[in-house]
N, C-alpha and C. Protein backbone atom coordinates (compact mmCIF):
# COMPACT_ATOMS: atom_id res chain seq x y z
N MET A 1 48.51 72.63 -50.38
CA MET A 1 47.31 71.97 -50.84
C MET A 1 46.58 71.36 -49.66
N LYS A 2 45.36 71.73 -49.44
CA LYS A 2 44.56 71.16 -48.35
C LYS A 2 43.79 69.96 -48.86
N ILE A 3 43.61 68.99 -47.98
CA ILE A 3 42.89 67.77 -48.34
C ILE A 3 41.55 67.78 -47.64
N LYS A 4 40.46 67.99 -48.38
CA LYS A 4 39.10 67.92 -47.85
C LYS A 4 38.92 68.75 -46.58
N GLY A 5 39.48 69.94 -46.52
CA GLY A 5 39.29 70.81 -45.37
C GLY A 5 40.19 70.53 -44.19
N TYR A 6 41.06 69.54 -44.28
CA TYR A 6 41.98 69.24 -43.19
C TYR A 6 43.29 70.01 -43.38
N CYS A 7 44.14 69.98 -42.39
CA CYS A 7 45.45 70.60 -42.50
C CYS A 7 46.28 69.88 -43.55
N GLN A 8 47.35 70.51 -43.95
CA GLN A 8 48.26 69.87 -44.89
C GLN A 8 48.94 68.69 -44.21
N THR A 9 49.29 67.68 -45.00
CA THR A 9 49.93 66.48 -44.47
C THR A 9 51.22 66.83 -43.74
N ALA A 10 52.04 67.68 -44.33
CA ALA A 10 53.31 68.05 -43.70
C ALA A 10 53.09 68.73 -42.36
N GLU A 11 52.06 69.55 -42.26
CA GLU A 11 51.75 70.24 -40.99
C GLU A 11 51.36 69.23 -39.91
N ILE A 12 50.58 68.23 -40.27
CA ILE A 12 50.17 67.20 -39.32
C ILE A 12 51.38 66.41 -38.84
N LEU A 13 52.24 66.00 -39.77
CA LEU A 13 53.42 65.21 -39.41
C LEU A 13 54.39 66.02 -38.58
N ASN A 14 54.55 67.30 -38.87
CA ASN A 14 55.40 68.16 -38.05
C ASN A 14 54.87 68.26 -36.63
N THR A 15 53.56 68.32 -36.49
CA THR A 15 52.94 68.38 -35.16
C THR A 15 53.23 67.10 -34.38
N PHE A 16 53.12 65.95 -35.04
CA PHE A 16 53.45 64.68 -34.38
C PHE A 16 54.90 64.68 -33.91
N ALA A 17 55.81 65.15 -34.76
CA ALA A 17 57.23 65.16 -34.42
C ALA A 17 57.51 66.09 -33.23
N ILE A 18 56.84 67.23 -33.19
CA ILE A 18 57.02 68.17 -32.06
C ILE A 18 56.51 67.55 -30.76
N PHE A 19 55.33 66.91 -30.82
CA PHE A 19 54.82 66.23 -29.63
C PHE A 19 55.77 65.13 -29.18
N ARG A 20 56.38 64.42 -30.12
CA ARG A 20 57.32 63.35 -29.75
C ARG A 20 58.53 63.94 -29.05
N LEU A 21 59.04 65.08 -29.51
CA LEU A 21 60.18 65.72 -28.85
C LEU A 21 59.83 66.17 -27.44
N ILE A 22 58.63 66.71 -27.27
CA ILE A 22 58.22 67.22 -25.96
C ILE A 22 57.86 66.09 -25.01
N LEU A 23 57.15 65.08 -25.50
CA LEU A 23 56.65 63.98 -24.67
C LEU A 23 57.39 62.69 -25.00
N ARG A 24 58.68 62.66 -24.75
CA ARG A 24 59.53 61.54 -25.17
C ARG A 24 59.14 60.20 -24.57
N ASP A 25 58.68 60.19 -23.33
CA ASP A 25 58.40 58.92 -22.66
C ASP A 25 56.91 58.55 -22.67
N LYS A 26 56.10 59.27 -23.41
CA LYS A 26 54.65 59.00 -23.47
C LYS A 26 54.30 58.22 -24.73
N ILE A 27 53.14 57.58 -24.70
CA ILE A 27 52.64 56.85 -25.87
C ILE A 27 51.71 57.77 -26.65
N LEU A 28 52.01 57.96 -27.92
CA LEU A 28 51.17 58.77 -28.81
C LEU A 28 50.40 57.83 -29.72
N LYS A 29 49.09 58.03 -29.82
CA LYS A 29 48.24 57.15 -30.63
C LYS A 29 47.47 57.93 -31.68
N TYR A 30 47.31 57.30 -32.84
CA TYR A 30 46.40 57.81 -33.85
C TYR A 30 44.98 57.57 -33.37
N ALA A 31 44.08 58.48 -33.65
CA ALA A 31 42.65 58.27 -33.39
C ALA A 31 41.87 59.23 -34.29
N GLY A 32 40.66 58.88 -34.59
CA GLY A 32 39.81 59.77 -35.37
C GLY A 32 39.95 59.61 -36.86
N VAL A 33 40.06 60.71 -37.57
CA VAL A 33 39.97 60.70 -39.03
C VAL A 33 41.34 60.73 -39.71
N ARG A 34 42.26 59.95 -39.23
CA ARG A 34 43.61 59.96 -39.81
C ARG A 34 43.63 59.52 -41.27
N GLU A 35 42.71 58.61 -41.66
CA GLU A 35 42.67 58.15 -43.04
C GLU A 35 42.30 59.30 -43.98
N ASN A 36 41.39 60.17 -43.53
CA ASN A 36 40.97 61.30 -44.34
C ASN A 36 42.03 62.40 -44.37
N ALA A 37 42.64 62.65 -43.24
CA ALA A 37 43.60 63.75 -43.15
C ALA A 37 44.95 63.41 -43.78
N LEU A 38 45.41 62.18 -43.64
CA LEU A 38 46.73 61.81 -44.14
C LEU A 38 46.70 61.00 -45.43
N GLY A 39 45.59 60.34 -45.70
CA GLY A 39 45.49 59.55 -46.93
C GLY A 39 46.52 58.43 -46.97
N ASP A 40 47.25 58.33 -48.06
CA ASP A 40 48.25 57.27 -48.23
C ASP A 40 49.51 57.51 -47.41
N ASN A 41 49.62 58.65 -46.78
CA ASN A 41 50.80 58.98 -45.98
C ASN A 41 50.64 58.63 -44.51
N GLU A 42 49.67 57.80 -44.19
CA GLU A 42 49.42 57.44 -42.80
C GLU A 42 50.65 56.81 -42.14
N TYR A 43 51.40 56.02 -42.90
CA TYR A 43 52.59 55.34 -42.36
C TYR A 43 53.66 56.34 -41.92
N LYS A 44 53.68 57.53 -42.51
CA LYS A 44 54.69 58.52 -42.15
C LYS A 44 54.50 59.03 -40.72
N GLY A 45 53.30 58.91 -40.18
CA GLY A 45 53.06 59.29 -38.80
C GLY A 45 53.85 58.43 -37.83
N TYR A 46 54.01 57.15 -38.18
CA TYR A 46 54.81 56.26 -37.34
C TYR A 46 56.28 56.66 -37.40
N GLU A 47 56.72 57.11 -38.56
CA GLU A 47 58.10 57.59 -38.68
C GLU A 47 58.29 58.90 -37.91
N ALA A 48 57.23 59.68 -37.78
CA ALA A 48 57.30 60.96 -37.06
C ALA A 48 57.20 60.79 -35.55
N GLY A 49 56.82 59.59 -35.07
CA GLY A 49 56.81 59.37 -33.63
C GLY A 49 55.55 58.78 -33.04
N ILE A 50 54.54 58.48 -33.85
CA ILE A 50 53.32 57.85 -33.33
C ILE A 50 53.63 56.39 -32.97
N ASN A 51 53.14 55.93 -31.81
CA ASN A 51 53.41 54.57 -31.37
C ASN A 51 52.38 53.56 -31.85
N SER A 52 51.10 53.94 -31.88
CA SER A 52 50.06 52.97 -32.20
C SER A 52 48.82 53.69 -32.72
N ALA A 53 47.81 52.89 -33.09
CA ALA A 53 46.57 53.47 -33.61
C ALA A 53 45.38 52.83 -32.91
N MET A 54 44.35 53.64 -32.68
CA MET A 54 43.10 53.13 -32.13
C MET A 54 42.15 52.86 -33.29
N LYS A 55 41.47 51.75 -33.24
CA LYS A 55 40.51 51.38 -34.29
C LYS A 55 39.13 51.27 -33.68
N ASN A 56 38.11 51.23 -34.54
CA ASN A 56 36.74 51.01 -34.06
C ASN A 56 36.68 49.71 -33.28
N PRO A 57 35.90 49.54 -32.31
CA PRO A 57 34.92 50.45 -31.72
C PRO A 57 35.47 51.21 -30.53
N PHE A 58 36.78 51.25 -30.33
CA PHE A 58 37.35 51.81 -29.11
C PHE A 58 37.04 53.28 -28.92
N TYR A 59 37.08 54.09 -29.96
CA TYR A 59 36.82 55.51 -29.74
C TYR A 59 35.41 55.91 -30.15
N PHE A 60 34.57 54.96 -30.53
CA PHE A 60 33.16 55.22 -30.80
C PHE A 60 32.24 54.35 -29.95
N SER A 61 32.73 53.86 -28.85
CA SER A 61 31.92 52.94 -28.03
C SER A 61 30.82 53.70 -27.30
N LYS A 62 29.66 53.07 -27.23
CA LYS A 62 28.52 53.63 -26.50
C LYS A 62 28.46 53.01 -25.11
N GLN A 63 28.10 53.79 -24.14
CA GLN A 63 28.08 53.28 -22.78
C GLN A 63 26.67 53.17 -22.28
């Protein structure tokens, strides 16, 4: 089941877990449209290996 044109939730979480295995000592952050893509399962990204999240205005700042 796709959510509003995004990948399936399980596919997104599997990708996070694979990146965590490959980049063990790096910081992985949520950014962008995670609320739309993951919905109520956003917390599962932290279980899959995400360290933190970026919020507005950090990734939409104008220079």
